[in-house]
Amino acid sequence: MRMPAIPALGFISMSFVRNTGALLATRRQLKAFATEQGLLLTKVYVEEPGPPGAAFDLLEALLESEGQPLVVPTLHHLAVLGPPARIRDHLRHCTHEVLIATKPAERTC
């Protein structure tokens, strides 16, 4: 019997995405990764260039949830909120697991 998927949120910063086509591909990547992890991506927040807006909406949604996981393409996407590793650690401390959908490239030498 399959366990029901756990709801999760996603976040993409357009500072690291080239265009609409890349945004759509990144959304698909987040959704596929979340599904592999047993998560259901219920909403993906997209931060446009300029003053943060979606990032604060995301934080509000996380605060209202009870430990809801967050899926990001790479840790860099959290930079709009501050130092990415520090933001990840803070979210983890607040019981929100941060999952990175993009596997790092392997070193060839």
PDB file of N, CA and C in Angstrom:
ATOM      1  N   MET A   1       0.849  -1.186   0.000  1.00  0.00           N
ATOM      2  CA  MET A   1       0.000   0.000   0.000  1.00  0.00           C
ATOM      3  C   MET A   1       0.887   1.239   0.000  1.00  0.00           C
ATOM      4  N   ARG A   2       0.595   2.168  -0.886  1.00  0.00           N
ATOM      5  CA  ARG A   2       1.427   3.355  -1.008  1.00  0.00           C
ATOM      6  C   ARG A   2       0.999   4.427  -0.011  1.00  0.00           C
ATOM      7  N   MET A   3       1.985   5.035   0.631  1.00  0.00           N
ATOM      8  CA  MET A   3       1.716   6.105   1.593  1.00  0.00           C
ATOM      9  C   MET A   3       1.312   7.363   0.821  1.00  0.00           C
ATOM     10  N   PRO A   4       0.403   8.172   1.381  1.00  0.00           N
ATOM     11  CA  PRO A   4       0.040   9.418   0.702  1.00  0.00           C
ATOM     12  C   PRO A   4       1.238  10.367   0.665  1.00  0.00           C
ATOM     13  N   ALA A   5       1.322  11.139  -0.414  1.00  0.00           N
ATOM     14  CA  ALA A   5       2.430  12.083  -0.564  1.00  0.00           C
ATOM     15  C   ALA A   5       2.327  13.191   0.484  1.00  0.00           C
ATOM     16  N   ILE A   6       3.469  13.626   0.956  1.00  0.00           N
ATOM     17  CA  ILE A   6       3.561  14.722   1.927  1.00  0.00           C
ATOM     18  C   ILE A   6       3.570  16.029   1.152  1.00  0.00           C
ATOM     19  N   PRO A   7       2.724  17.005   1.520  1.00  0.00           N
ATOM     20  CA  PRO A   7       2.729  18.287   0.814  1.00  0.00           C
ATOM     21  C   PRO A   7       4.053  19.023   1.008  1.00  0.00           C
ATOM     22  N   ALA A   8       4.506  19.669  -0.050  1.00  0.00           N
ATOM     23  CA  ALA A   8       5.756  20.441  -0.008  1.00  0.00           C
ATOM     24  C   ALA A   8       5.578  21.699  -0.849  1.00  0.00           C
ATOM     25  N   LEU A   9       6.450  22.663  -0.595  1.00  0.00           N
ATOM     26  CA  LEU A   9       6.476  23.896  -1.380  1.00  0.00           C
ATOM     27  C   LEU A   9       7.752  23.929  -2.207  1.00  0.00           C
ATOM     28  N   GLY A  10       7.717  24.694  -3.284  1.00  0.00           N
ATOM     29  CA  GLY A  10       8.896  24.876  -4.117  1.00  0.00           C
ATOM     30  C   GLY A  10       9.227  26.355  -4.226  1.00  0.00           C
ATOM     31  N   PHE A  11      10.481  26.641  -4.574  1.00  0.00           N
ATOM     32  CA  PHE A  11      10.917  28.033  -4.738  1.00  0.00           C
ATOM     33  C   PHE A  11      11.946  28.111  -5.842  1.00  0.00           C
ATOM     34  N   ILE A  12      11.727  29.048  -6.772  1.00  0.00           N
ATOM     35  CA  ILE A  12      12.657  29.281  -7.879  1.00  0.00           C
ATOM     36  C   ILE A  12      12.933  30.780  -7.951  1.00  0.00           C
ATOM     37  N   SER A  13      14.200  31.149  -8.016  1.00  0.00           N
ATOM     38  CA  SER A  13      14.587  32.539  -8.215  1.00  0.00           C
ATOM     39  C   SER A  13      14.925  32.735  -9.687  1.00  0.00           C
ATOM     40  N   MET A  14      14.273  33.700 -10.324  1.00  0.00           N
ATOM     41  CA  MET A  14      14.534  33.972 -11.741  1.00  0.00           C
ATOM     42  C   MET A  14      15.950  34.520 -11.952  1.00  0.00           C
ATOM     43  N   SER A  15      16.645  34.858 -10.894  1.00  0.00           N
ATOM     44  CA  SER A  15      18.040  35.299 -11.015  1.00  0.00           C
ATOM     45  C   SER A  15      18.928  34.170 -11.534  1.00  0.00           C
ATOM     46  N   PHE A  16      18.462  32.930 -11.401  1.00  0.00           N
ATOM     47  CA  PHE A  16      19.254  31.767 -11.814  1.00  0.00           C
ATOM     48  C   PHE A  16      18.592  30.999 -12.956  1.00  0.00           C
ATOM     49  N   VAL A  17      17.571  31.598 -13.573  1.00  0.00           N
ATOM     50  CA  VAL A  17      16.855  30.962 -14.678  1.00  0.00           C
ATOM     51  C   VAL A  17      16.887  31.925 -15.867  1.00  0.00           C
ATOM     52  N   ARG A  18      17.251  31.406 -17.042  1.00  0.00           N
ATOM     53  CA  ARG A  18      17.456  32.263 -18.210  1.00  0.00           C
ATOM     54  C   ARG A  18      16.190  32.843 -18.824  1.00  0.00           C
ATOM     55  N   ASN A  19      15.121  32.024 -18.944  1.00  0.00           N
ATOM     56  CA  ASN A  19      13.928  32.472 -19.668  1.00  0.00           C
ATOM     57  C   ASN A  19      12.738  31.615 -19.265  1.00  0.00           C
ATOM     58  N   THR A  20      11.603  31.872 -19.916  1.00  0.00           N
ATOM     59  CA  THR A  20      10.373  31.152 -19.583  1.00  0.00           C
ATOM     60  C   THR A  20      10.504  29.654 -19.833  1.00  0.00           C
ATOM     61  N   GLY A  21      11.170  29.279 -20.921  1.00  0.00           N
ATOM     62  CA  GLY A  21      11.366  27.855 -21.211  1.00  0.00           C
ATOM     63  C   GLY A  21      12.154  27.168 -20.111  1.00  0.00           C
ATOM     64  N   ALA A  22      13.213  27.835 -19.650  1.00  0.00           N
ATOM     65  CA  ALA A  22      14.020  27.268 -18.559  1.00  0.00           C
ATOM     66  C   ALA A  22      13.216  27.221 -17.266  1.00  0.00           C
ATOM     67  N   LEU A  23      12.349  28.209 -17.043  1.00  0.00           N
ATOM     68  CA  LEU A  23      11.497  28.207 -15.851  1.00  0.00           C
ATOM     69  C   LEU A  23      10.558  27.001 -15.875  1.00  0.00           C
ATOM     70  N   LEU A  24       9.935  26.750 -17.030  1.00  0.00           N
ATOM     71  CA  LEU A  24       9.033  25.597 -17.139  1.00  0.00           C
ATOM     72  C   LEU A  24       9.784  24.289 -16.916  1.00  0.00           C
ATOM     73  N   ALA A  25      10.992  24.184 -17.472  1.00  0.00           N
ATOM     74  CA  ALA A  25      11.806  22.975 -17.273  1.00  0.00           C
ATOM     75  C   ALA A  25      12.176  22.811 -15.803  1.00  0.00           C
ATOM     76  N   THR A  26      12.498  23.914 -15.132  1.00  0.00           N
ATOM     77  CA  THR A  26      12.866  23.867 -13.715  1.00  0.00           C
ATOM     78  C   THR A  26      11.668  23.451 -12.867  1.00  0.00           C
ATOM     79  N   ARG A  27      10.494  23.960 -13.196  1.00  0.00           N
ATOM     80  CA  ARG A  27       9.273  23.546 -12.485  1.00  0.00           C
ATOM     81  C   ARG A  27       9.053  22.038 -12.629  1.00  0.00           C
ATOM     82  N   ARG A  28       9.204  21.525 -13.863  1.00  0.00           N
ATOM     83  CA  ARG A  28       9.032  20.083 -14.092  1.00  0.00           C
ATOM     84  C   ARG A  28      10.052  19.290 -13.288  1.00  0.00           C
ATOM     85  N   GLN A  29      11.289  19.800 -13.242  1.00  0.00           N
ATOM     86  CA  GLN A  29      12.351  19.131 -12.491  1.00  0.00           C
ATOM     87  C   GLN A  29      12.003  19.080 -11.000  1.00  0.00           C
ATOM     88  N   LEU A  30      11.519  20.195 -10.454  1.00  0.00           N
ATOM     89  CA  LEU A  30      11.145  20.228  -9.034  1.00  0.00           C
ATOM     90  C   LEU A  30      10.017  19.236  -8.763  1.00  0.00           C
ATOM     91  N   LYS A  31       9.011  19.222  -9.640  1.00  0.00           N
ATOM     92  CA  LYS A  31       7.875  18.323  -9.455  1.00  0.00           C
ATOM     93  C   LYS A  31       8.314  16.863  -9.503  1.00  0.00           C
ATOM     94  N   ALA A  32       9.144  16.518 -10.490  1.00  0.00           N
ATOM     95  CA  ALA A  32       9.618  15.131 -10.618  1.00  0.00           C
ATOM     96  C   ALA A  32      10.447  14.729  -9.401  1.00  0.00           C
ATOM     97  N   PHE A  33      11.342  15.608  -8.954  1.00  0.00           N
ATOM     98  CA  PHE A  33      12.171  15.320  -7.788  1.00  0.00           C
ATOM     99  C   PHE A  33      11.294  15.126  -6.550  1.00  0.00           C
ATOM    100  N   ALA A  34      10.327  16.027  -6.361  1.00  0.00           N
ATOM    101  CA  ALA A  34       9.446  15.928  -5.204  1.00  0.00           C
ATOM    102  C   ALA A  34       8.710  14.590  -5.212  1.00  0.00           C
ATOM    103  N   THR A  35       8.199  14.199  -6.368  1.00  0.00           N
ATOM    104  CA  THR A  35       7.483  12.930  -6.484  1.00  0.00           C
ATOM    105  C   THR A  35       8.387  11.762  -6.117  1.00  0.00           C
ATOM    106  N   GLU A  36       9.646  11.784  -6.575  1.00  0.00           N
ATOM    107  CA  GLU A  36      10.611  10.724  -6.239  1.00  0.00           C
ATOM    108  C   GLU A  36      10.830  10.631  -4.735  1.00  0.00           C
ATOM    109  N   GLN A  37      10.707  11.769  -4.050  1.00  0.00           N
ATOM    110  CA  GLN A  37      10.942  11.822  -2.604  1.00  0.00           C
ATOM    111  C   GLN A  37       9.676  11.541  -1.798  1.00  0.00           C
ATOM    112  N   GLY A  38       8.567  11.246  -2.480  1.00  0.00           N
ATOM    113  CA  GLY A  38       7.306  10.994  -1.784  1.00  0.00           C
ATOM    114  C   GLY A  38       6.594  12.264  -1.372  1.00  0.00           C
ATOM    115  N   LEU A  39       6.894  13.355  -2.075  1.00  0.00           N
ATOM    116  CA  LEU A  39       6.292  14.651  -1.769  1.00  0.00           C
ATOM    117  C   LEU A  39       5.340  15.067  -2.879  1.00  0.00           C
ATOM    118  N   LEU A  40       4.369  15.886  -2.534  1.00  0.00           N
ATOM    119  CA  LEU A  40       3.463  16.479  -3.504  1.00  0.00           C
ATOM    120  C   LEU A  40       3.712  17.981  -3.490  1.00  0.00           C
ATOM    121  N   LEU A  41       4.244  18.496  -4.577  1.00  0.00           N
ATOM    122  CA  LEU A  41       4.527  19.926  -4.675  1.00  0.00           C
ATOM    123  C   LEU A  41       3.200  20.660  -4.848  1.00  0.00           C
ATOM    124  N   THR A  42       2.737  21.326  -3.797  1.00  0.00           N
ATOM    125  CA  THR A  42       1.437  21.986  -3.828  1.00  0.00           C
ATOM    126  C   THR A  42       1.502  23.385  -4.408  1.00  0.00           C
ATOM    127  N   LYS A  43       2.659  24.039  -4.314  1.00  0.00           N
ATOM    128  CA  LYS A  43       2.819  25.391  -4.862  1.00  0.00           C
ATOM    129  C   LYS A  43       4.303  25.647  -5.086  1.00  0.00           C
ATOM    130  N   VAL A  44       4.607  26.322  -6.195  1.00  0.00           N
ATOM    131  CA  VAL A  44       5.972  26.746  -6.478  1.00  0.00           C
ATOM    132  C   VAL A  44       5.971  28.272  -6.525  1.00  0.00           C
ATOM    133  N   TYR A  45       6.740  28.881  -5.644  1.00  0.00           N
ATOM    134  CA  TYR A  45       6.886  30.328  -5.619  1.00  0.00           C
ATOM    135  C   TYR A  45       8.019  30.709  -6.565  1.00  0.00           C
ATOM    136  N   VAL A  46       7.775  31.718  -7.407  1.00  0.00           N
ATOM    137  CA  VAL A  46       8.781  32.171  -8.356  1.00  0.00           C
ATOM    138  C   VAL A  46       9.114  33.615  -8.027  1.00  0.00           C
ATOM    139  N   GLU A  47      10.383  33.850  -7.687  1.00  0.00           N
ATOM    140  CA  GLU A  47      10.858  35.189  -7.338  1.00  0.00           C
ATOM    141  C   GLU A  47      11.372  35.877  -8.591  1.00  0.00           C
ATOM    142  N   GLU A  48      10.723  36.966  -8.965  1.00  0.00           N
ATOM    143  CA  GLU A  48      11.151  37.770 -10.109  1.00  0.00           C
ATOM    144  C   GLU A  48      12.278  38.709  -9.669  1.00  0.00           C
ATOM    145  N   PRO A  49      13.076  39.215 -10.634  1.00  0.00           N
ATOM    146  CA  PRO A  49      14.108  40.199 -10.275  1.00  0.00           C
ATOM    147  C   PRO A  49      13.465  41.439  -9.645  1.00  0.00           C
ATOM    148  N   GLY A  50      14.208  42.072  -8.776  1.00  0.00           N
ATOM    149  CA  GLY A  50      13.694  43.253  -8.088  1.00  0.00           C
ATOM    150  C   GLY A  50      13.510  42.961  -6.614  1.00  0.00           C
ATOM    151  N   PRO A  51      12.738  43.797  -5.942  1.00  0.00           N
ATOM    152  CA  PRO A  51      12.524  43.589  -4.509  1.00  0.00           C
ATOM    153  C   PRO A  51      11.839  42.248  -4.245  1.00  0.00           C
ATOM    154  N   PRO A  52      12.254  41.555  -3.180  1.00  0.00           N
ATOM    155  CA  PRO A  52      11.644  40.256  -2.862  1.00  0.00           C
ATOM    156  C   PRO A  52      10.145  40.399  -2.621  1.00  0.00           C
ATOM    157  N   GLY A  53       9.400  39.498  -3.166  1.00  0.00           N
ATOM    158  CA  GLY A  53       7.959  39.453  -2.963  1.00  0.00           C
ATOM    159  C   GLY A  53       7.550  38.019  -2.711  1.00  0.00           C
ATOM    160  N   ALA A  54       7.807  37.155  -3.698  1.00  0.00           N
ATOM    161  CA  ALA A  54       7.450  35.746  -3.590  1.00  0.00           C
ATOM    162  C   ALA A  54       8.202  35.083  -2.436  1.00  0.00           C
ATOM    163  N   ALA A  55       9.434  35.522  -2.192  1.00  0.00           N
ATOM    164  CA  ALA A  55      10.235  34.921  -1.115  1.00  0.00           C
ATOM    165  C   ALA A  55       9.556  35.134   0.238  1.00  0.00           C
ATOM    166  N   PHE A  56       8.992  36.307   0.440  1.00  0.00           N
ATOM    167  CA  PHE A  56       8.324  36.568   1.710  1.00  0.00           C
ATOM    168  C   PHE A  56       6.977  35.846   1.784  1.00  0.00           C
ATOM    169  N   ASP A  57       6.309  35.684   0.630  1.00  0.00           N
ATOM    170  CA  ASP A  57       5.088  34.877   0.603  1.00  0.00           C
ATOM    171  C   ASP A  57       5.415  33.422   0.964  1.00  0.00           C
ATOM    172  N   LEU A  58       6.537  32.940   0.453  1.00  0.00           N
ATOM    173  CA  LEU A  58       6.988  31.586   0.767  1.00  0.00           C
ATOM    174  C   LEU A  58       7.233  31.440   2.266  1.00  0.00           C
ATOM    175  N   LEU A  59       7.972  32.378   2.839  1.00  0.00           N
ATOM    176  CA  LEU A  59       8.264  32.304   4.276  1.00  0.00           C
ATOM    177  C   LEU A  59       6.983  32.325   5.097  1.00  0.00           C
ATOM    178  N   GLU A  60       6.022  33.138   4.696  1.00  0.00           N
ATOM    179  CA  GLU A  60       4.744  33.193   5.405  1.00  0.00           C
ATOM    180  C   GLU A  60       4.032  31.840   5.327  1.00  0.00           C
ATOM    181  N   ALA A  61       4.048  31.232   4.134  1.00  0.00           N
ATOM    182  CA  ALA A  61       3.413  29.917   3.971  1.00  0.00           C
ATOM    183  C   ALA A  61       4.113  28.862   4.827  1.00  0.00           C
ATOM    184  N   LEU A  62       5.437  28.917   4.894  1.00  0.00           N
ATOM    185  CA  LEU A  62       6.176  27.962   5.723  1.00  0.00           C
ATOM    186  C   LEU A  62       5.857  28.159   7.198  1.00  0.00           C
ATOM    187  N   LEU A  63       5.756  29.425   7.620  1.00  0.00           N
ATOM    188  CA  LEU A  63       5.425  29.706   9.018  1.00  0.00           C
ATOM    189  C   LEU A  63       4.046  29.177   9.386  1.00  0.00           C
ATOM    190  N   GLU A  64       3.115  29.223   8.428  1.00  0.00           N
ATOM    191  CA  GLU A  64       1.756  28.761   8.688  1.00  0.00           C
ATOM    192  C   GLU A  64       1.635  27.242   8.643  1.00  0.00           C
ATOM    193  N   SER A  65       2.638  26.580   8.062  1.00  0.00           N
ATOM    194  CA  SER A  65       2.597  25.119   7.965  1.00  0.00           C
ATOM    195  C   SER A  65       3.338  24.513   9.150  1.00  0.00           C
ATOM    196  N   GLU A  66       3.183  23.215   9.298  1.00  0.00           N
ATOM    197  CA  GLU A  66       3.876  22.520  10.384  1.00  0.00           C
ATOM    198  C   GLU A  66       4.980  21.660   9.800  1.00  0.00           C
ATOM    199  N   GLY A  67       6.136  22.253   9.574  1.00  0.00           N
ATOM    200  CA  GLY A  67       7.289  21.493   9.102  1.00  0.00           C
ATOM    201  C   GLY A  67       7.245  21.106   7.638  1.00  0.00           C
ATOM    202  N   GLN A  68       6.493  21.847   6.837  1.00  0.00           N
ATOM    203  CA  GLN A  68       6.385  21.520   5.418  1.00  0.00           C
ATOM    204  C   GLN A  68       7.757  21.623   4.738  1.00  0.00           C
ATOM    205  N   PRO A  69       8.142  20.603   3.953  1.00  0.00           N
ATOM    206  CA  PRO A  69       9.430  20.643   3.253  1.00  0.00           C
ATOM    207  C   PRO A  69       9.439  21.694   2.144  1.00  0.00           C
ATOM    208  N   LEU A  70      10.637  22.119   1.790  1.00  0.00           N
ATOM    209  CA  LEU A  70      10.854  23.076   0.705  1.00  0.00           C
ATOM    210  C   LEU A  70      11.791  22.444  -0.309  1.00  0.00           C
ATOM    211  N   VAL A  71      11.406  22.520  -1.595  1.00  0.00           N
ATOM    212  CA  VAL A  71      12.221  21.979  -2.675  1.00  0.00           C
ATOM    213  C   VAL A  71      12.732  23.152  -3.512  1.00  0.00           C
ATOM    214  N   VAL A  72      14.041  23.209  -3.711  1.00  0.00           N
ATOM    215  CA  VAL A  72      14.664  24.250  -4.528  1.00  0.00           C
ATOM    216  C   VAL A  72      15.554  23.588  -5.584  1.00  0.00           C
ATOM    217  N   PRO A  73      15.763  24.260  -6.733  1.00  0.00           N
ATOM    218  CA  PRO A  73      16.643  23.682  -7.749  1.00  0.00           C
ATOM    219  C   PRO A  73      18.083  23.543  -7.243  1.00  0.00           C
ATOM    220  N   THR A  74      18.604  24.604  -6.648  1.00  0.00           N
ATOM    221  CA  THR A  74      19.921  24.617  -6.009  1.00  0.00           C
ATOM    222  C   THR A  74      19.818  25.519  -4.783  1.00  0.00           C
ATOM    223  N   LEU A  75      20.770  25.409  -3.921  1.00  0.00           N
ATOM    224  CA  LEU A  75      20.776  26.239  -2.723  1.00  0.00           C
ATOM    225  C   LEU A  75      20.865  27.727  -3.060  1.00  0.00           C
ATOM    226  N   HIS A  76      21.492  28.063  -4.203  1.00  0.00           N
ATOM    227  CA  HIS A  76      21.660  29.468  -4.613  1.00  0.00           C
ATOM    228  C   HIS A  76      20.324  30.202  -4.711  1.00  0.00           C
ATOM    229  N   HIS A  77      19.258  29.494  -5.006  1.00  0.00           N
ATOM    230  CA  HIS A  77      17.958  30.145  -5.173  1.00  0.00           C
ATOM    231  C   HIS A  77      17.470  30.802  -3.890  1.00  0.00           C
ATOM    232  N   LEU A  78      18.020  30.419  -2.749  1.00  0.00           N
ATOM    233  CA  LEU A  78      17.637  31.032  -1.481  1.00  0.00           C
ATOM    234  C   LEU A  78      18.374  32.339  -1.201  1.00  0.00           C
ATOM    235  N   ALA A  79      19.301  32.730  -2.082  1.00  0.00           N
ATOM    236  CA  ALA A  79      20.143  33.907  -1.852  1.00  0.00           C
ATOM    237  C   ALA A  79      19.345  35.196  -1.702  1.00  0.00           C
ATOM    238  N   VAL A  80      18.156  35.259  -2.270  1.00  0.00           N
ATOM    239  CA  VAL A  80      17.338  36.465  -2.144  1.00  0.00           C
ATOM    240  C   VAL A  80      16.970  36.736  -0.686  1.00  0.00           C
ATOM    241  N   LEU A  81      17.014  35.696   0.142  1.00  0.00           N
ATOM    242  CA  LEU A  81      16.676  35.829   1.565  1.00  0.00           C
ATOM    243  C   LEU A  81      17.889  36.063   2.456  1.00  0.00           C
ATOM    244  N   GLY A  82      19.083  35.845   1.927  1.00  0.00           N
ATOM    245  CA  GLY A  82      20.304  35.978   2.717  1.00  0.00           C
ATOM    246  C   GLY A  82      21.292  34.901   2.306  1.00  0.00           C
ATOM    247  N   PRO A  83      22.330  34.688   3.091  1.00  0.00           N
ATOM    248  CA  PRO A  83      23.287  33.627   2.756  1.00  0.00           C
ATOM    249  C   PRO A  83      22.568  32.278   2.665  1.00  0.00           C
ATOM    250  N   PRO A  84      22.606  31.627   1.490  1.00  0.00           N
ATOM    251  CA  PRO A  84      21.811  30.415   1.271  1.00  0.00           C
ATOM    252  C   PRO A  84      22.001  29.313   2.310  1.00  0.00           C
ATOM    253  N   ALA A  85      23.229  29.015   2.697  1.00  0.00           N
ATOM    254  CA  ALA A  85      23.456  27.944   3.676  1.00  0.00           C
ATOM    255  C   ALA A  85      22.856  28.321   5.029  1.00  0.00           C
ATOM    256  N   ARG A  86      22.948  29.578   5.379  1.00  0.00           N
ATOM    257  CA  ARG A  86      22.387  30.034   6.652  1.00  0.00           C
ATOM    258  C   ARG A  86      20.853  29.964   6.625  1.00  0.00           C
ATOM    259  N   ILE A  87      20.252  30.334   5.484  1.00  0.00           N
ATOM    260  CA  ILE A  87      18.796  30.247   5.336  1.00  0.00           C
ATOM    261  C   ILE A  87      18.349  28.789   5.439  1.00  0.00           C
ATOM    262  N   ARG A  88      19.067  27.883   4.733  1.00  0.00           N
ATOM    263  CA  ARG A  88      18.753  26.449   4.805  1.00  0.00           C
ATOM    264  C   ARG A  88      18.824  25.953   6.240  1.00  0.00           C
ATOM    265  N   ASP A  89      19.906  26.310   6.934  1.00  0.00           N
ATOM    266  CA  ASP A  89      20.083  25.844   8.315  1.00  0.00           C
ATOM    267  C   ASP A  89      18.984  26.389   9.224  1.00  0.00           C
ATOM    268  N   HIS A  90      18.602  27.641   9.009  1.00  0.00           N
ATOM    269  CA  HIS A  90      17.534  28.237   9.819  1.00  0.00           C
ATOM    270  C   HIS A  90      16.209  27.517   9.569  1.00  0.00           C
ATOM    271  N   LEU A  91      15.909  27.264   8.290  1.00  0.00           N
ATOM    272  CA  LEU A  91      14.665  26.551   7.972  1.00  0.00           C
ATOM    273  C   LEU A  91      14.674  25.152   8.579  1.00  0.00           C
ATOM    274  N   ARG A  92      15.805  24.471   8.511  1.00  0.00           N
ATOM    275  CA  ARG A  92      15.907  23.130   9.106  1.00  0.00           C
ATOM    276  C   ARG A  92      15.708  23.197  10.618  1.00  0.00           C
ATOM    277  N   HIS A  93      16.280  24.218  11.227  1.00  0.00           N
ATOM    278  CA  HIS A  93      16.118  24.413  12.675  1.00  0.00           C
ATOM    279  C   HIS A  93      14.641  24.604  13.025  1.00  0.00           C
ATOM    280  N   CYS A  94      13.892  25.212  12.105  1.00  0.00           N
ATOM    281  CA  CYS A  94      12.457  25.444  12.298  1.00  0.00           C
ATOM    282  C   CYS A  94      11.618  24.279  11.765  1.00  0.00           C
ATOM    283  N   THR A  95      12.226  23.120  11.585  1.00  0.00           N
ATOM    284  CA  THR A  95      11.617  21.850  11.164  1.00  0.00           C
ATOM    285  C   THR A  95      11.159  21.798   9.702  1.00  0.00           C
ATOM    286  N   HIS A  96      11.697  22.647   8.844  1.00  0.00           N
ATOM    287  CA  HIS A  96      11.384  22.611   7.417  1.00  0.00           C
ATOM    288  C   HIS A  96      12.595  22.060   6.673  1.00  0.00           C
ATOM    289  N   GLU A  97      12.507  20.813   6.229  1.00  0.00           N
ATOM    290  CA  GLU A  97      13.615  20.228   5.476  1.00  0.00           C
ATOM    291  C   GLU A  97      13.735  20.942   4.135  1.00  0.00           C
ATOM    292  N   VAL A  98      14.960  21.253   3.730  1.00  0.00           N
ATOM    293  CA  VAL A  98      15.230  21.883   2.443  1.00  0.00           C
ATOM    294  C   VAL A  98      15.863  20.830   1.551  1.00  0.00           C
ATOM    295  N   LEU A  99      15.197  20.519   0.438  1.00  0.00           N
ATOM    296  CA  LEU A  99      15.677  19.503  -0.491  1.00  0.00           C
ATOM    297  C   LEU A  99      16.136  20.177  -1.779  1.00  0.00           C
ATOM    298  N   ILE A 100      17.283  19.754  -2.260  1.00  0.00           N
ATOM    299  CA  ILE A 100      17.874  20.331  -3.469  1.00  0.00           C
ATOM    300  C   ILE A 100      17.652  19.362  -4.622  1.00  0.00           C
ATOM    301  N   ALA A 101      16.927  19.822  -5.651  1.00  0.00           N
ATOM    302  CA  ALA A 101      16.517  18.958  -6.748  1.00  0.00           C
ATOM    303  C   ALA A 101      17.634  18.662  -7.746  1.00  0.00           C
ATOM    304  N   THR A 102      18.582  19.573  -7.905  1.00  0.00           N
ATOM    305  CA  THR A 102      19.645  19.400  -8.895  1.00  0.00           C
ATOM    306  C   THR A 102      20.834  18.703  -8.263  1.00  0.00           C
ATOM    307  N   LYS A 103      21.201  17.605  -8.845  1.00  0.00           N
ATOM    308  CA  LYS A 103      22.372  16.874  -8.357  1.00  0.00           C
ATOM    309  C   LYS A 103      23.628  17.648  -8.760  1.00  0.00           C
ATOM    310  N   PRO A 104      24.578  17.832  -7.856  1.00  0.00           N
ATOM    311  CA  PRO A 104      25.805  18.534  -8.227  1.00  0.00           C
ATOM    312  C   PRO A 104      26.589  17.739  -9.267  1.00  0.00           C
ATOM    313  N   ALA A 105      27.267  18.449 -10.139  1.00  0.00           N
ATOM    314  CA  ALA A 105      28.091  17.790 -11.153  1.00  0.00           C
ATOM    315  C   ALA A 105      29.243  17.057 -10.476  1.00  0.00           C
ATOM    316  N   GLU A 106      29.564  15.905 -11.006  1.00  0.00           N
ATOM    317  CA  GLU A 106      30.671  15.147 -10.434  1.00  0.00           C
ATOM    318  C   GLU A 106      31.984  15.680 -10.980  1.00  0.00           C
ATOM    319  N   ARG A 107      32.994  15.644 -10.142  1.00  0.00           N
ATOM    320  CA  ARG A 107      34.326  16.089 -10.575  1.00  0.00           C
ATOM    321  C   ARG A 107      34.912  15.060 -11.522  1.00  0.00           C
ATOM    322  N   THR A 108      35.571  15.545 -12.540  1.00  0.00           N
ATOM    323  CA  THR A 108      36.158  14.631 -13.525  1.00  0.00           C
ATOM    324  C   THR A 108      37.647  14.477 -13.346  1.00  0.00           C
ATOM    325  N   CYS A 109      38.237  15.243 -12.453  1.00  0.00           N
ATOM    326  CA  CYS A 109      39.684  15.093 -12.241  1.00  0.00           C
ATOM    327  C   CYS A 109      40.011  15.006 -10.778  1.00  0.00           C
TER     328      CYS A 109
END
